[in-house]
Amino acid sequence: MSVPARPLTMFPVALRELVVARIVDVTAGMRRVTLTGDQLGTFTSADGTEWPPFTSPGFDDDIRLLFPYPGESEPVLPLVEDGRVTFAEGRRPIARAYTVRRYDPCGRELDVDVVLHSDGVASNWARAVAPGDRMHIAGPAKTQGIPIGADRLLIAGDDTAIPAIARLLEELPDDTRGRVFIDVEHTSHAQELCGPAGVDVTWLPRDPSAPSHPGGLLEAIRTMDWAEGEWFAWLAGEQSAVQEIRRYLVRDRHMPKSAIDFTGYWKREPADGVHSHQP
């Protein structure tokens, strides 16, 4: 019996300068920033390298957004030399990884959904950004396709995983079957998601006033109805929570490690709060 897998493709990493086209609040906790610009197409960089058009075929492809240091107006940028993006000695660029929520190659529009945490480089940028502002991006460096060979999908993540989950549901074949669990801060952060009829989506709000599964994602997965067949799991969100779910799937559900794709988008540090973030 074959183990479900995701095909992998690597891309050359280009540094592109774009501008903000518009800003829309998807929910009370998430803001969508649409980027555009000629460099989403084929372009030639200052060193003479001709770069291919931007592409994002995978539902969880990510790009790096490059931000200025506090008190500065321009970001520290990587160097582009001989067709390669490298780093100069000294200060490193401030970069945050974000999922490509949508890319329209005809209209040259790139959507990035940002979770509005209480504080953070990207969240603060998303709150203050305005149409016409510049943004440099790099990537994607790789892309992976939808799992091949799985009878059912288990998709689980928190607020930061919503962009990838939403895009995945939109791109799945109509006959796909599976379960989706999404842990969100508040009931108002749940979104209307479009996907196959055979994929059930469950929102797990963390706010005390809402009924939810005790223990959040892990408890919901433990108590779900596990139908027969080959499962593939895609997990993303807070690092320790994702690792705990993976351990349960391997140890208690006996899922092959190769049938579990997991990513820690951010890390919780008890003393200092959120350390890093990537939806």
Protein backbone atom coordinates (compact mmCIF):
# COMPACT_ATOMS: atom_id res chain seq x y z
CA MET A 1 0.00 0.00 0.00
CA SER A 2 1.51 3.33 -1.06
CA VAL A 3 2.12 6.07 1.50
CA PRO A 4 0.51 9.42 0.60
CA ALA A 5 3.06 11.97 -0.57
CA ARG A 6 3.33 15.56 -1.74
CA PRO A 7 5.33 16.25 -4.92
CA LEU A 8 8.13 18.81 -4.35
CA THR A 9 9.39 21.47 -6.80
CA MET A 10 12.17 23.99 -6.11
CA PHE A 11 12.26 27.55 -7.49
CA PRO A 12 15.00 30.18 -7.89
CA VAL A 13 14.44 32.81 -5.18
CA ALA A 14 13.89 36.29 -6.59
CA LEU A 15 13.79 39.58 -4.67
CA ARG A 16 10.82 41.62 -5.94
CA GLU A 17 9.70 45.18 -5.19
CA LEU A 18 5.91 45.53 -5.09
CA VAL A 19 3.31 48.04 -3.95
CA VAL A 20 0.16 47.70 -1.88
CA ALA A 21 -2.94 47.78 -4.08
CA ARG A 22 -5.64 47.49 -1.38
CA ILE A 23 -6.40 46.37 2.16
CA VAL A 24 -9.48 44.42 3.29
CA ASP A 25 -10.45 43.10 6.73
CA VAL A 26 -11.41 39.46 6.24
CA THR A 27 -12.47 39.13 9.89
CA ALA A 28 -11.93 41.07 13.10
CA GLY A 29 -8.65 39.20 13.52
CA MET A 30 -7.26 39.02 9.99
CA ARG A 31 -6.37 41.66 7.40
CA ARG A 32 -5.75 40.94 3.72
CA VAL A 33 -3.09 43.01 1.97
CA THR A 34 -3.05 42.79 -1.82
CA LEU A 35 0.33 43.45 -3.47
CA THR A 36 0.94 44.20 -7.12
CA GLY A 37 3.70 45.34 -9.45
CA ASP A 38 5.51 44.71 -12.71
CA GLN A 39 8.09 42.56 -10.93
CA LEU A 40 5.49 39.84 -10.45
CA GLY A 41 6.14 39.22 -14.13
CA THR A 42 9.48 38.57 -15.81
CA PHE A 43 11.98 41.30 -14.87
CA THR A 44 15.70 42.06 -14.93
CA SER A 45 17.46 42.92 -11.67
CA ALA A 46 20.22 45.50 -11.30
CA ASP A 47 22.93 42.85 -11.75
CA GLY A 48 21.50 41.92 -15.15
CA THR A 49 19.81 38.69 -14.09
CA GLU A 50 16.50 37.96 -15.83
CA TRP A 51 14.06 36.49 -13.34
CA PRO A 52 11.06 34.31 -14.23
CA PRO A 53 7.51 35.38 -13.36
CA PHE A 54 6.25 34.88 -9.83
CA THR A 55 4.48 31.56 -9.38
CA SER A 56 2.69 29.87 -6.51
CA PRO A 57 1.08 26.53 -7.43
CA GLY A 58 1.00 25.11 -3.87
CA PHE A 59 -1.63 25.89 -1.23
CA ASP A 60 0.97 26.44 1.52
CA ASP A 61 3.66 28.22 -0.52
CA ASP A 62 5.26 30.97 1.52
CA ILE A 63 7.08 34.19 0.76
CA ARG A 64 9.27 36.40 2.93
CA LEU A 65 8.07 39.93 3.61
CA LEU A 66 10.96 42.31 4.35
CA PHE A 67 10.49 45.04 6.97
CA PRO A 68 12.52 48.08 8.10
CA TYR A 69 14.24 48.10 11.49
CA PRO A 70 12.40 50.16 14.15
CA GLY A 71 12.83 53.88 13.50
CA GLU A 72 13.94 53.34 9.90
CA SER A 73 11.96 53.77 6.69
CA GLU A 74 13.79 51.33 4.38
CA PRO A 75 14.34 47.62 4.96
CA VAL A 76 17.74 45.96 4.93
CA LEU A 77 17.63 43.97 1.70
CA PRO A 78 19.48 40.83 0.63
CA LEU A 79 22.07 41.17 -2.13
CA VAL A 80 21.37 39.94 -5.64
CA GLU A 81 24.63 38.85 -7.28
CA ASP A 82 25.18 36.52 -10.23
CA GLY A 83 21.59 35.40 -10.17
CA ARG A 84 21.56 34.53 -6.46
CA VAL A 85 20.00 36.15 -3.42
CA THR A 86 22.60 36.32 -0.63
CA PHE A 87 23.15 38.17 2.64
CA ALA A 88 25.72 40.86 3.31
CA GLU A 89 27.79 40.92 6.48
CA GLY A 90 26.34 42.95 9.30
CA ARG A 91 22.65 43.46 9.90
CA ARG A 92 20.37 40.78 8.51
CA PRO A 93 17.07 41.66 6.88
CA ILE A 94 13.98 41.55 9.11
CA ALA A 95 11.85 38.96 7.32
CA ARG A 96 8.64 37.16 8.16
CA ALA A 97 7.25 34.18 6.25
CA TYR A 98 3.65 34.37 5.06
CA THR A 99 1.44 32.08 3.01
CA VAL A 100 0.44 33.09 -0.49
CA ARG A 101 -3.33 33.22 0.03
CA ARG A 102 -4.07 33.95 -3.63
CA TYR A 103 -2.09 34.80 -6.74
CA ASP A 104 -3.64 36.09 -9.96
CA PRO A 105 -0.98 36.03 -12.71
CA CYS A 106 -3.25 37.82 -15.20
CA GLY A 107 -4.08 40.70 -12.89
CA ARG A 108 -0.68 40.47 -11.16
CA GLU A 109 -2.20 40.49 -7.70
CA LEU A 110 -0.79 38.69 -4.67
CA ASP A 111 -2.90 38.37 -1.50
CA VAL A 112 -1.29 38.00 1.94
CA ASP A 113 -3.52 37.47 5.00
CA VAL A 114 -2.03 38.74 8.26
CA VAL A 115 -3.27 37.74 11.72
CA LEU A 116 -3.66 40.90 13.83
CA HIS A 117 -1.87 39.90 17.03
CA SER A 118 -1.56 42.45 19.81
CA ASP A 119 1.99 43.20 18.70
CA GLY A 120 4.52 42.07 16.12
CA VAL A 121 6.43 43.36 13.11
CA ALA A 122 3.98 42.09 10.49
CA SER A 123 0.82 42.78 12.51
CA ASN A 124 1.89 46.37 13.15
CA TRP A 125 2.68 46.80 9.46
CA ALA A 126 -0.71 45.42 8.44
CA ARG A 127 -2.50 47.85 10.78
CA ALA A 128 -0.67 50.90 9.42
CA VAL A 129 -0.16 49.99 5.74
CA ALA A 130 -1.81 52.06 3.02
CA PRO A 131 -2.31 51.68 -0.74
CA GLY A 132 0.82 52.73 -2.59
CA ASP A 133 3.22 51.64 0.16
CA ARG A 134 6.16 49.57 -1.04
CA MET A 135 6.93 46.02 0.07
CA HIS A 136 9.83 43.79 -0.90
CA ILE A 137 9.24 40.05 -1.03
CA ALA A 138 11.39 36.98 -1.67
CA GLY A 139 10.29 33.50 -2.71
CA PRO A 140 8.64 31.07 -2.80
CA ALA A 141 11.72 28.85 -2.71
CA LYS A 142 9.71 25.65 -3.11
CA THR A 143 6.23 24.33 -3.60
CA GLN A 144 4.47 21.07 -2.75
CA GLY A 145 1.37 19.69 -4.38
CA ILE A 146 -1.80 18.29 -2.85
CA PRO A 147 -1.20 14.88 -1.20
CA ILE A 148 -1.32 11.97 -3.65
CA GLY A 149 -2.61 8.55 -2.62
CA ALA A 150 -4.62 9.51 0.46
CA ASP A 151 -8.18 8.30 1.02
CA ARG A 152 -8.86 11.03 3.57
CA LEU A 153 -7.22 14.21 4.81
CA LEU A 154 -6.83 15.46 8.36
CA ILE A 155 -6.18 19.22 8.37
CA ALA A 156 -5.52 21.02 11.65
CA GLY A 157 -4.20 24.46 12.52
CA ASP A 158 -4.69 27.67 14.44
CA ASP A 159 -5.39 31.24 13.30
CA THR A 160 -2.07 31.46 11.48
CA ALA A 161 -2.87 28.42 9.33
CA ILE A 162 -6.20 29.74 8.01
CA PRO A 163 -4.77 31.18 4.75
CA ALA A 164 -3.21 27.84 3.76
CA ILE A 165 -6.25 25.83 4.89
CA ALA A 166 -8.66 28.11 3.02
CA ARG A 167 -6.63 27.87 -0.16
CA LEU A 168 -6.29 24.10 0.17
CA LEU A 169 -10.04 23.65 0.50
CA GLU A 170 -10.61 25.76 -2.61
CA GLU A 171 -8.15 23.68 -4.63
CA LEU A 172 -9.04 20.14 -3.50
CA PRO A 173 -10.78 17.77 -5.94
CA ASP A 174 -14.55 17.63 -5.47
CA ASP A 175 -14.45 14.00 -4.31
CA THR A 176 -12.00 14.64 -1.44
CA ARG A 177 -13.03 13.39 2.01
CA GLY A 178 -11.63 14.50 5.34
CA ARG A 179 -11.79 16.55 8.52
CA VAL A 180 -10.62 20.09 9.22
CA PHE A 181 -10.14 21.57 12.70
CA ILE A 182 -9.24 25.23 13.15
CA ASP A 183 -8.40 26.76 16.54
CA VAL A 184 -9.18 30.50 16.62
CA GLU A 185 -9.02 33.22 19.25
CA HIS A 186 -12.67 34.25 18.99
CA THR A 187 -15.87 33.16 17.28
CA SER A 188 -15.75 36.35 15.20
CA HIS A 189 -12.52 35.11 13.60
CA ALA A 190 -14.19 32.17 11.87
CA GLN A 191 -14.52 32.52 8.09
CA GLU A 192 -16.81 31.15 5.40
CA LEU A 193 -14.65 28.53 3.67
CA CYS A 194 -15.43 26.88 0.34
CA GLY A 195 -14.44 23.26 -0.15
CA PRO A 196 -15.60 19.77 -1.15
CA ALA A 197 -18.86 18.52 0.39
CA GLY A 198 -17.01 15.51 1.82
CA VAL A 199 -14.66 17.64 3.94
CA ASP A 200 -16.13 18.68 7.30
CA VAL A 201 -14.82 21.92 8.86
CA THR A 202 -14.96 22.46 12.64
CA TRP A 203 -14.04 25.79 14.26
CA LEU A 204 -12.69 25.69 17.82
CA PRO A 205 -12.93 29.18 19.39
CA ARG A 206 -10.76 29.82 22.43
CA ASP A 207 -12.97 32.54 23.95
CA PRO A 208 -14.67 31.35 27.18
CA SER A 209 -18.17 32.33 25.99
CA ALA A 210 -18.12 29.90 23.07
CA PRO A 211 -18.70 26.13 23.28
CA SER A 212 -15.54 24.35 22.16
CA HIS A 213 -13.68 21.10 22.56
CA PRO A 214 -11.70 20.92 25.83
CA GLY A 215 -8.03 20.85 24.90
CA GLY A 216 -8.60 22.41 21.50
CA LEU A 217 -7.06 20.78 18.45
CA LEU A 218 -5.55 17.71 20.08
CA GLU A 219 -8.72 16.75 21.94
CA ALA A 220 -10.83 17.28 18.83
CA ILE A 221 -8.56 14.96 16.85
CA ARG A 222 -8.50 12.34 19.61
CA THR A 223 -12.30 12.17 19.76
CA MET A 224 -13.06 12.37 16.03
CA ASP A 225 -14.49 9.46 14.05
CA TRP A 226 -11.56 7.81 12.26
CA ALA A 227 -12.93 6.26 9.09
CA GLU A 228 -11.09 3.40 7.41
CA GLY A 229 -8.50 4.13 4.74
CA GLU A 230 -5.16 5.87 4.23
CA TRP A 231 -5.03 9.23 6.00
CA PHE A 232 -2.70 12.14 5.30
CA ALA A 233 -2.33 14.85 7.95
CA TRP A 234 -1.39 18.48 7.39
CA LEU A 235 -0.70 20.34 10.63
CA ALA A 236 0.37 23.96 11.16
CA GLY A 237 0.33 26.52 13.94
CA GLU A 238 2.06 26.97 17.29
CA GLN A 239 5.17 24.78 17.32
CA SER A 240 4.65 22.79 20.53
CA ALA A 241 0.95 22.19 19.78
CA VAL A 242 1.74 20.89 16.30
CA GLN A 243 4.47 18.61 17.64
CA GLU A 244 2.11 17.20 20.29
CA ILE A 245 -0.50 16.35 17.66
CA ARG A 246 2.12 14.70 15.47
CA ARG A 247 3.31 12.56 18.40
CA TYR A 248 -0.26 11.43 19.02
CA LEU A 249 -0.79 10.50 15.36
CA VAL A 250 2.43 8.49 15.21
CA ARG A 251 2.26 6.86 18.63
CA ASP A 252 -1.46 6.26 19.12
CA ARG A 253 -2.89 6.27 15.59
CA HIS A 254 0.19 4.54 14.10
CA MET A 255 0.32 6.89 11.13
CA PRO A 256 3.55 6.73 9.09
CA LYS A 257 5.70 9.82 9.67
CA SER A 258 5.84 10.30 5.91
CA ALA A 259 2.04 10.74 5.92
CA ILE A 260 2.22 13.74 8.27
CA ASP A 261 3.22 17.19 7.06
CA PHE A 262 3.71 19.53 10.03
CA THR A 263 5.01 23.09 10.39
CA GLY A 264 5.50 25.26 13.46
CA TYR A 265 4.44 28.68 12.20
CA TRP A 266 5.22 30.36 15.52
CA LYS A 267 6.63 29.58 18.94
CA ARG A 268 5.15 30.41 22.32
CA GLU A 269 7.67 31.51 24.95
CA PRO A 270 6.20 31.73 28.47
CA ALA A 271 8.36 34.66 29.56
CA ASP A 272 8.17 36.84 26.48
CA GLY A 273 5.05 35.79 24.60
CA VAL A 274 5.06 35.25 20.86
CA HIS A 275 8.55 34.82 19.45
CA SER A 276 7.83 34.54 15.76
CA HIS A 277 4.85 34.22 13.47
CA GLN A 278 4.03 33.00 9.99
CA PRO A 279 0.64 32.28 8.57
